[in-house]
Amino acid sequence: MSTSLRSDATVTAISVVVHNSGLFFDTDTRSGNHADIFLLYNGGSLRINMRKEAAHHNHGTLSITVHDYQRSNSSLQYFDLQPSAGLTVKHVTDLIYQNKRHQFNLSPSGKGCRYWVVTVLNDLRAAGYISSQSNPSVDTVHGYLRYNYSRGQNPEFEEIEPGTFY
């Protein structure tokens, strides 16, 4: 259930979430993954999601939605980074637009969400929005995102495919 945007909400965690996007073919043995960012705050979360606009092309669409929960039911893995003191939802969303991260094309194969997430995390770190004491660090989360996750199976290496910003 979505609620109204609280741009002044203080972020308690920057959560990178890997979702189960299901099997694409009957012969698949691992689920597809989709990664995005949830800004957690007292009473809810803001999901920041770069998704494919349509099946027939690779143009990305930035979706920002407000939720009254902090953990998604489709989550396979999540990695919580510690924000700097006083970070608000507005700080993060303003930075995304300032750095033109809403202008993104996925890779030719239609992937690229993990690349987009890592890029935004690096922007947040450069802006001082992620605590230097965060455990895990941005670099550690980048490493975690280089894997495919499926329920009941060990993670399997899957290189991040870059998209392009325009």
C-alpha atoms as a PDB file:
ATOM      1  CA  MET A   1       0.000   0.000   0.000  1.00  0.00           C
ATOM      2  CA  SER A   2       1.394   3.388  -0.955  1.00  0.00           C
ATOM      3  CA  THR A   3       1.197   6.414   1.284  1.00  0.00           C
ATOM      4  CA  SER A   4       2.097  10.050   0.688  1.00  0.00           C
ATOM      5  CA  LEU A   5       5.697  11.048   0.027  1.00  0.00           C
ATOM      6  CA  ARG A   6       7.594  12.266   3.070  1.00  0.00           C
ATOM      7  CA  SER A   7      10.497  14.126   1.459  1.00  0.00           C
ATOM      8  CA  ASP A   8      11.633  15.389   4.874  1.00  0.00           C
ATOM      9  CA  ALA A   9      11.771  11.869   6.348  1.00  0.00           C
ATOM     10  CA  THR A  10      15.142  10.996   7.850  1.00  0.00           C
ATOM     11  CA  VAL A  11      16.640   7.935   6.176  1.00  0.00           C
ATOM     12  CA  THR A  12      17.520   5.172   8.662  1.00  0.00           C
ATOM     13  CA  ALA A  13      19.009   2.794   6.061  1.00  0.00           C
ATOM     14  CA  ILE A  14      19.799   2.715   2.357  1.00  0.00           C
ATOM     15  CA  SER A  15      18.700  -0.777   1.421  1.00  0.00           C
ATOM     16  CA  VAL A  16      19.832  -2.383  -1.828  1.00  0.00           C
ATOM     17  CA  VAL A  17      17.301  -5.084  -2.623  1.00  0.00           C
ATOM     18  CA  VAL A  18      17.633  -7.998  -5.044  1.00  0.00           C
ATOM     19  CA  HIS A  19      14.193  -9.232  -6.090  1.00  0.00           C
ATOM     20  CA  ASN A  20      13.040 -12.495  -7.610  1.00  0.00           C
ATOM     21  CA  SER A  21      11.791 -11.724 -11.104  1.00  0.00           C
ATOM     22  CA  GLY A  22      10.881 -15.344 -11.816  1.00  0.00           C
ATOM     23  CA  LEU A  23      11.947 -17.877 -14.407  1.00  0.00           C
ATOM     24  CA  PHE A  24      12.036 -16.697 -18.009  1.00  0.00           C
ATOM     25  CA  PHE A  25      12.054 -20.118 -19.707  1.00  0.00           C
ATOM     26  CA  ASP A  26      10.709 -23.526 -18.663  1.00  0.00           C
ATOM     27  CA  THR A  27      14.268 -24.865 -18.674  1.00  0.00           C
ATOM     28  CA  ASP A  28      15.639 -22.178 -16.305  1.00  0.00           C
ATOM     29  CA  THR A  29      16.967 -23.434 -12.986  1.00  0.00           C
ATOM     30  CA  ARG A  30      17.603 -20.000 -11.463  1.00  0.00           C
ATOM     31  CA  SER A  31      15.320 -17.023 -11.101  1.00  0.00           C
ATOM     32  CA  GLY A  32      15.957 -13.740 -12.809  1.00  0.00           C
ATOM     33  CA  ASN A  33      16.984 -10.901 -10.518  1.00  0.00           C
ATOM     34  CA  HIS A  34      16.100  -7.231 -10.367  1.00  0.00           C
ATOM     35  CA  ALA A  35      17.911  -4.777  -8.084  1.00  0.00           C
ATOM     36  CA  ASP A  36      16.697  -1.466  -6.730  1.00  0.00           C
ATOM     37  CA  ILE A  37      17.098   0.845  -3.743  1.00  0.00           C
ATOM     38  CA  PHE A  38      14.764   1.338  -0.801  1.00  0.00           C
ATOM     39  CA  LEU A  39      15.269   4.319   1.483  1.00  0.00           C
ATOM     40  CA  LEU A  40      14.019   3.124   4.855  1.00  0.00           C
ATOM     41  CA  TYR A  41      12.587   5.587   7.349  1.00  0.00           C
ATOM     42  CA  ASN A  42      10.403   5.433  10.435  1.00  0.00           C
ATOM     43  CA  GLY A  43       7.015   4.152   9.282  1.00  0.00           C
ATOM     44  CA  GLY A  44       7.832   3.191   5.717  1.00  0.00           C
ATOM     45  CA  SER A  45      10.118   3.313   2.727  1.00  0.00           C
ATOM     46  CA  LEU A  46      10.714   4.952  -0.612  1.00  0.00           C
ATOM     47  CA  ARG A  47      11.477   2.578  -3.482  1.00  0.00           C
ATOM     48  CA  ILE A  48      13.783   3.978  -6.159  1.00  0.00           C
ATOM     49  CA  ASN A  49      13.597   1.699  -9.153  1.00  0.00           C
ATOM     50  CA  MET A  50      15.079   1.872 -12.649  1.00  0.00           C
ATOM     51  CA  ARG A  51      13.031  -0.455 -14.801  1.00  0.00           C
ATOM     52  CA  LYS A  52      12.678  -1.262 -18.459  1.00  0.00           C
ATOM     53  CA  GLU A  53      10.026   0.971 -20.009  1.00  0.00           C
ATOM     54  CA  ALA A  54       8.712  -1.686 -22.391  1.00  0.00           C
ATOM     55  CA  ALA A  55       9.604  -5.194 -23.521  1.00  0.00           C
ATOM     56  CA  HIS A  56      10.587  -4.139 -27.039  1.00  0.00           C
ATOM     57  CA  HIS A  57      13.281  -1.571 -26.186  1.00  0.00           C
ATOM     58  CA  ASN A  58      15.913  -0.751 -23.570  1.00  0.00           C
ATOM     59  CA  HIS A  59      14.867   2.701 -22.413  1.00  0.00           C
ATOM     60  CA  GLY A  60      14.826   2.881 -18.621  1.00  0.00           C
ATOM     61  CA  THR A  61      12.091   4.511 -16.584  1.00  0.00           C
ATOM     62  CA  LEU A  62      12.746   5.813 -13.090  1.00  0.00           C
ATOM     63  CA  SER A  63       9.965   4.861 -10.713  1.00  0.00           C
ATOM     64  CA  ILE A  64       9.809   6.348  -7.210  1.00  0.00           C
ATOM     65  CA  THR A  65       7.096   4.928  -4.978  1.00  0.00           C
ATOM     66  CA  VAL A  66       6.214   5.324  -1.314  1.00  0.00           C
ATOM     67  CA  HIS A  67       5.347   2.290   0.814  1.00  0.00           C
ATOM     68  CA  ASP A  68       4.187   1.651   4.363  1.00  0.00           C
ATOM     69  CA  TYR A  69       6.522  -1.357   4.644  1.00  0.00           C
ATOM     70  CA  GLN A  70      10.305  -1.713   4.732  1.00  0.00           C
ATOM     71  CA  ARG A  71      10.844  -5.211   3.292  1.00  0.00           C
ATOM     72  CA  SER A  72       9.448  -6.383  -0.024  1.00  0.00           C
ATOM     73  CA  ASN A  73       7.884  -9.850  -0.305  1.00  0.00           C
ATOM     74  CA  SER A  74       9.821 -10.466  -3.532  1.00  0.00           C
ATOM     75  CA  SER A  75      13.177  -9.787  -1.864  1.00  0.00           C
ATOM     76  CA  LEU A  76      15.796 -12.526  -2.217  1.00  0.00           C
ATOM     77  CA  GLN A  77      18.611 -10.522  -0.610  1.00  0.00           C
ATOM     78  CA  TYR A  78      19.009  -7.077   0.840  1.00  0.00           C
ATOM     79  CA  PHE A  79      22.057  -5.128   1.901  1.00  0.00           C
ATOM     80  CA  ASP A  80      21.576  -2.181   4.265  1.00  0.00           C
ATOM     81  CA  LEU A  81      24.050   0.685   4.111  1.00  0.00           C
ATOM     82  CA  GLN A  82      24.277   3.208   6.931  1.00  0.00           C
ATOM     83  CA  PRO A  83      23.345   6.744   5.864  1.00  0.00           C
ATOM     84  CA  SER A  84      25.131   9.830   7.109  1.00  0.00           C
ATOM     85  CA  ALA A  85      23.416  11.612   9.985  1.00  0.00           C
ATOM     86  CA  GLY A  86      20.486  13.783   8.924  1.00  0.00           C
ATOM     87  CA  LEU A  87      20.104  12.343   5.424  1.00  0.00           C
ATOM     88  CA  THR A  88      16.580  12.880   4.107  1.00  0.00           C
ATOM     89  CA  VAL A  89      14.637  11.313   1.265  1.00  0.00           C
ATOM     90  CA  LYS A  90      14.776  14.668  -0.562  1.00  0.00           C
ATOM     91  CA  HIS A  91      18.590  14.742  -0.438  1.00  0.00           C
ATOM     92  CA  VAL A  92      18.704  11.420  -2.289  1.00  0.00           C
ATOM     93  CA  THR A  93      16.014  12.119  -4.876  1.00  0.00           C
ATOM     94  CA  ASP A  94      17.469  15.564  -5.617  1.00  0.00           C
ATOM     95  CA  LEU A  95      20.914  14.018  -6.168  1.00  0.00           C
ATOM     96  CA  ILE A  96      19.512  11.429  -8.589  1.00  0.00           C
ATOM     97  CA  TYR A  97      17.970  14.153 -10.752  1.00  0.00           C
ATOM     98  CA  GLN A  98      20.948  16.505 -10.364  1.00  0.00           C
ATOM     99  CA  ASN A  99      23.268  13.758 -11.661  1.00  0.00           C
ATOM    100  CA  LYS A 100      20.767  12.866 -14.411  1.00  0.00           C
ATOM    101  CA  ARG A 101      20.490   9.267 -13.225  1.00  0.00           C
ATOM    102  CA  HIS A 102      16.879   9.253 -14.405  1.00  0.00           C
ATOM    103  CA  GLN A 103      18.212   9.299 -17.990  1.00  0.00           C
ATOM    104  CA  PHE A 104      19.314   5.712 -18.534  1.00  0.00           C
ATOM    105  CA  ASN A 105      19.242   3.029 -21.195  1.00  0.00           C
ATOM    106  CA  LEU A 106      19.682  -0.582 -20.167  1.00  0.00           C
ATOM    107  CA  SER A 107      22.173  -2.871 -21.909  1.00  0.00           C
ATOM    108  CA  PRO A 108      21.243  -4.382 -25.303  1.00  0.00           C
ATOM    109  CA  SER A 109      20.163  -7.569 -23.476  1.00  0.00           C
ATOM    110  CA  GLY A 110      17.717  -5.523 -21.392  1.00  0.00           C
ATOM    111  CA  LYS A 111      19.745  -5.742 -18.196  1.00  0.00           C
ATOM    112  CA  GLY A 112      21.417  -2.909 -16.356  1.00  0.00           C
ATOM    113  CA  CYS A 113      19.523  -2.359 -13.106  1.00  0.00           C
ATOM    114  CA  ARG A 114      22.499  -3.538 -11.021  1.00  0.00           C
ATOM    115  CA  TYR A 115      24.798  -1.147 -12.897  1.00  0.00           C
ATOM    116  CA  TRP A 116      22.335   1.675 -12.250  1.00  0.00           C
ATOM    117  CA  VAL A 117      22.162   0.820  -8.522  1.00  0.00           C
ATOM    118  CA  VAL A 118      25.972   0.744  -8.175  1.00  0.00           C
ATOM    119  CA  THR A 119      26.243   4.089  -9.989  1.00  0.00           C
ATOM    120  CA  VAL A 120      23.700   5.709  -7.660  1.00  0.00           C
ATOM    121  CA  LEU A 121      25.464   4.234  -4.609  1.00  0.00           C
ATOM    122  CA  ASN A 122      28.750   5.726  -5.818  1.00  0.00           C
ATOM    123  CA  ASP A 123      26.993   9.088  -6.247  1.00  0.00           C
ATOM    124  CA  LEU A 124      25.624   8.853  -2.692  1.00  0.00           C
ATOM    125  CA  ARG A 125      29.076   8.021  -1.337  1.00  0.00           C
ATOM    126  CA  ALA A 126      30.703  10.898  -3.274  1.00  0.00           C
ATOM    127  CA  ALA A 127      28.087  13.301  -1.870  1.00  0.00           C
ATOM    128  CA  GLY A 128      28.861  12.132   1.673  1.00  0.00           C
ATOM    129  CA  TYR A 129      25.403  10.577   2.076  1.00  0.00           C
ATOM    130  CA  ILE A 130      26.685   7.133   3.100  1.00  0.00           C
ATOM    131  CA  SER A 131      28.488   6.892   6.426  1.00  0.00           C
ATOM    132  CA  SER A 132      32.176   6.055   6.203  1.00  0.00           C
ATOM    133  CA  GLN A 133      31.412   3.550   8.991  1.00  0.00           C
ATOM    134  CA  SER A 134      28.783   1.704   6.939  1.00  0.00           C
ATOM    135  CA  ASN A 135      29.066  -2.060   7.123  1.00  0.00           C
ATOM    136  CA  PRO A 136      28.666  -3.250   4.434  1.00  0.00           C
ATOM    137  CA  SER A 137      30.485  -0.620   2.398  1.00  0.00           C
ATOM    138  CA  VAL A 138      29.501   0.496  -1.095  1.00  0.00           C
ATOM    139  CA  ASP A 139      32.357  -1.586  -2.522  1.00  0.00           C
ATOM    140  CA  THR A 140      31.175  -4.683  -0.642  1.00  0.00           C
ATOM    141  CA  VAL A 141      27.610  -4.250  -1.925  1.00  0.00           C
ATOM    142  CA  HIS A 142      29.000  -3.792  -5.450  1.00  0.00           C
ATOM    143  CA  GLY A 143      30.655  -7.199  -5.044  1.00  0.00           C
ATOM    144  CA  TYR A 144      27.415  -8.765  -3.781  1.00  0.00           C
ATOM    145  CA  LEU A 145      25.555  -7.454  -6.827  1.00  0.00           C
ATOM    146  CA  ARG A 146      27.874  -9.446  -9.104  1.00  0.00           C
ATOM    147  CA  TYR A 147      25.847 -12.562  -8.245  1.00  0.00           C
ATOM    148  CA  ASN A 148      22.503 -14.059  -9.176  1.00  0.00           C
ATOM    149  CA  TYR A 149      20.364 -15.078  -6.212  1.00  0.00           C
ATOM    150  CA  SER A 150      17.718 -17.819  -6.207  1.00  0.00           C
ATOM    151  CA  ARG A 151      15.776 -19.228  -3.270  1.00  0.00           C
ATOM    152  CA  GLY A 152      17.330 -22.371  -1.823  1.00  0.00           C
ATOM    153  CA  GLN A 153      20.472 -22.101  -3.976  1.00  0.00           C
ATOM    154  CA  ASN A 154      23.938 -20.683  -3.506  1.00  0.00           C
ATOM    155  CA  PRO A 155      24.643 -17.362  -5.222  1.00  0.00           C
ATOM    156  CA  GLU A 156      26.087 -17.761  -8.716  1.00  0.00           C
ATOM    157  CA  PHE A 157      28.492 -15.288 -10.330  1.00  0.00           C
ATOM    158  CA  GLU A 158      26.851 -13.110 -12.971  1.00  0.00           C
ATOM    159  CA  GLU A 159      28.784 -10.096 -14.205  1.00  0.00           C
ATOM    160  CA  ILE A 160      27.051  -6.722 -14.073  1.00  0.00           C
ATOM    161  CA  GLU A 161      26.038  -5.505 -17.527  1.00  0.00           C
ATOM    162  CA  PRO A 162      26.469  -1.759 -17.945  1.00  0.00           C
ATOM    163  CA  GLY A 163      23.808   0.463 -19.372  1.00  0.00           C
ATOM    164  CA  THR A 164      24.361   4.022 -20.574  1.00  0.00           C
ATOM    165  CA  PHE A 165      23.385   7.401 -19.195  1.00  0.00           C
ATOM    166  CA  TYR A 166      22.381  10.126 -21.615  1.00  0.00           C
END
